[in-house]
Amino acid sequence: MLMVSVQSSQLQSIGYDSETRQAHVLFKNGALYEYDAVEEDVVNGIISASSPGQAFLNSLKFGYEYRRIG
């Protein structure tokens, strides 16, 4: 999965797998989370947002099932 770096105080990078519809979010503290059943436009919105951290909080963090994988 290709991870895209973002400019954020908390997030380091975000990746998306269109086949499984899973998003991966890597935090600057090294924690890696996997989110299920995510629409690609949600991930693209976070990546392109002026504040990816705020976009993540508003659209991904609380709206999807997730688990820490690393």
C-alpha atoms as a PDB file:
ATOM      1  CA  MET A   1       0.000   0.000   0.000  1.00  0.00           C
ATOM      2  CA  LEU A   2       1.351   3.387  -0.987  1.00  0.00           C
ATOM      3  CA  MET A   3       1.484   5.763   1.969  1.00  0.00           C
ATOM      4  CA  VAL A   4       1.239   9.493   1.241  1.00  0.00           C
ATOM      5  CA  SER A   5       2.957  11.942   3.589  1.00  0.00           C
ATOM      6  CA  VAL A   6       0.786  14.746   4.961  1.00  0.00           C
ATOM      7  CA  GLN A   7       1.595  18.045   6.664  1.00  0.00           C
ATOM      8  CA  SER A   8       0.199  17.601  10.160  1.00  0.00           C
ATOM      9  CA  SER A   9       1.358  17.882  13.739  1.00  0.00           C
ATOM     10  CA  GLN A  10      -0.065  14.434  14.567  1.00  0.00           C
ATOM     11  CA  LEU A  11      -0.309  12.477  11.299  1.00  0.00           C
ATOM     12  CA  GLN A  12       2.682  11.291   9.305  1.00  0.00           C
ATOM     13  CA  SER A  13       1.082   9.522   6.346  1.00  0.00           C
ATOM     14  CA  ILE A  14      -2.102   7.957   5.004  1.00  0.00           C
ATOM     15  CA  GLY A  15      -2.589   5.040   2.630  1.00  0.00           C
ATOM     16  CA  TYR A  16      -5.559   3.463   0.884  1.00  0.00           C
ATOM     17  CA  ASP A  17      -6.260   0.065  -0.681  1.00  0.00           C
ATOM     18  CA  SER A  18      -9.153   0.337  -3.137  1.00  0.00           C
ATOM     19  CA  GLU A  19      -9.604  -3.457  -3.358  1.00  0.00           C
ATOM     20  CA  THR A  20     -10.156  -3.948   0.381  1.00  0.00           C
ATOM     21  CA  ARG A  21     -11.450  -0.375   1.010  1.00  0.00           C
ATOM     22  CA  GLN A  22      -9.057  -0.099   3.949  1.00  0.00           C
ATOM     23  CA  ALA A  23      -7.240   3.054   4.964  1.00  0.00           C
ATOM     24  CA  HIS A  24      -4.045   3.068   6.993  1.00  0.00           C
ATOM     25  CA  VAL A  25      -3.072   6.058   9.097  1.00  0.00           C
ATOM     26  CA  LEU A  26       0.447   6.353  10.505  1.00  0.00           C
ATOM     27  CA  PHE A  27       0.851   8.794  13.369  1.00  0.00           C
ATOM     28  CA  LYS A  28       4.054  10.635  14.174  1.00  0.00           C
ATOM     29  CA  ASN A  29       4.325   8.662  17.418  1.00  0.00           C
ATOM     30  CA  GLY A  30       4.685   5.476  15.329  1.00  0.00           C
ATOM     31  CA  ALA A  31       1.169   4.101  15.881  1.00  0.00           C
ATOM     32  CA  LEU A  32      -0.398   2.587  12.758  1.00  0.00           C
ATOM     33  CA  TYR A  33      -4.178   2.181  12.493  1.00  0.00           C
ATOM     34  CA  GLU A  34      -6.314   0.397   9.919  1.00  0.00           C
ATOM     35  CA  TYR A  35      -9.831   1.629   9.100  1.00  0.00           C
ATOM     36  CA  ASP A  36     -12.443  -0.571   7.381  1.00  0.00           C
ATOM     37  CA  ALA A  37     -15.016   0.105   4.629  1.00  0.00           C
ATOM     38  CA  VAL A  38     -13.656   3.557   3.817  1.00  0.00           C
ATOM     39  CA  GLU A  39     -14.621   5.396   0.642  1.00  0.00           C
ATOM     40  CA  GLU A  40     -11.656   6.568  -1.433  1.00  0.00           C
ATOM     41  CA  ASP A  41     -12.945  10.149  -1.540  1.00  0.00           C
ATOM     42  CA  VAL A  42     -12.728  10.304   2.280  1.00  0.00           C
ATOM     43  CA  VAL A  43      -9.005   9.494   2.162  1.00  0.00           C
ATOM     44  CA  ASN A  44      -8.400  11.853  -0.760  1.00  0.00           C
ATOM     45  CA  GLY A  45     -10.173  14.595   1.170  1.00  0.00           C
ATOM     46  CA  ILE A  46      -7.888  14.126   4.156  1.00  0.00           C
ATOM     47  CA  ILE A  47      -4.759  14.101   2.002  1.00  0.00           C
ATOM     48  CA  SER A  48      -5.746  17.275   0.135  1.00  0.00           C
ATOM     49  CA  ALA A  49      -7.112  19.197   3.136  1.00  0.00           C
ATOM     50  CA  SER A  50      -5.374  22.320   4.385  1.00  0.00           C
ATOM     51  CA  SER A  51      -5.481  20.654   7.825  1.00  0.00           C
ATOM     52  CA  PRO A  52      -5.225  16.862   7.379  1.00  0.00           C
ATOM     53  CA  GLY A  53      -5.398  16.299  11.136  1.00  0.00           C
ATOM     54  CA  GLN A  54      -8.695  18.154  11.441  1.00  0.00           C
ATOM     55  CA  ALA A  55     -10.064  16.451   8.319  1.00  0.00           C
ATOM     56  CA  PHE A  56      -9.103  13.082   9.827  1.00  0.00           C
ATOM     57  CA  LEU A  57     -10.953  13.901  13.055  1.00  0.00           C
ATOM     58  CA  ASN A  58     -14.032  15.103  11.180  1.00  0.00           C
ATOM     59  CA  SER A  59     -14.330  12.294   8.657  1.00  0.00           C
ATOM     60  CA  LEU A  60     -12.417   9.134   9.541  1.00  0.00           C
ATOM     61  CA  LYS A  61     -11.565   8.744  13.214  1.00  0.00           C
ATOM     62  CA  PHE A  62     -15.066   8.324  14.606  1.00  0.00           C
ATOM     63  CA  GLY A  63     -16.983   7.189  11.518  1.00  0.00           C
ATOM     64  CA  TYR A  64     -15.367   3.826  10.822  1.00  0.00           C
ATOM     65  CA  GLU A  65     -14.362   0.601  12.525  1.00  0.00           C
ATOM     66  CA  TYR A  66     -10.638   0.596  13.220  1.00  0.00           C
ATOM     67  CA  ARG A  67      -7.846  -1.252  14.970  1.00  0.00           C
ATOM     68  CA  ARG A  68      -4.242  -0.599  15.843  1.00  0.00           C
ATOM     69  CA  ILE A  69      -1.941  -2.769  13.749  1.00  0.00           C
ATOM     70  CA  GLY A  70       1.425  -1.332  14.609  1.00  0.00           C
END
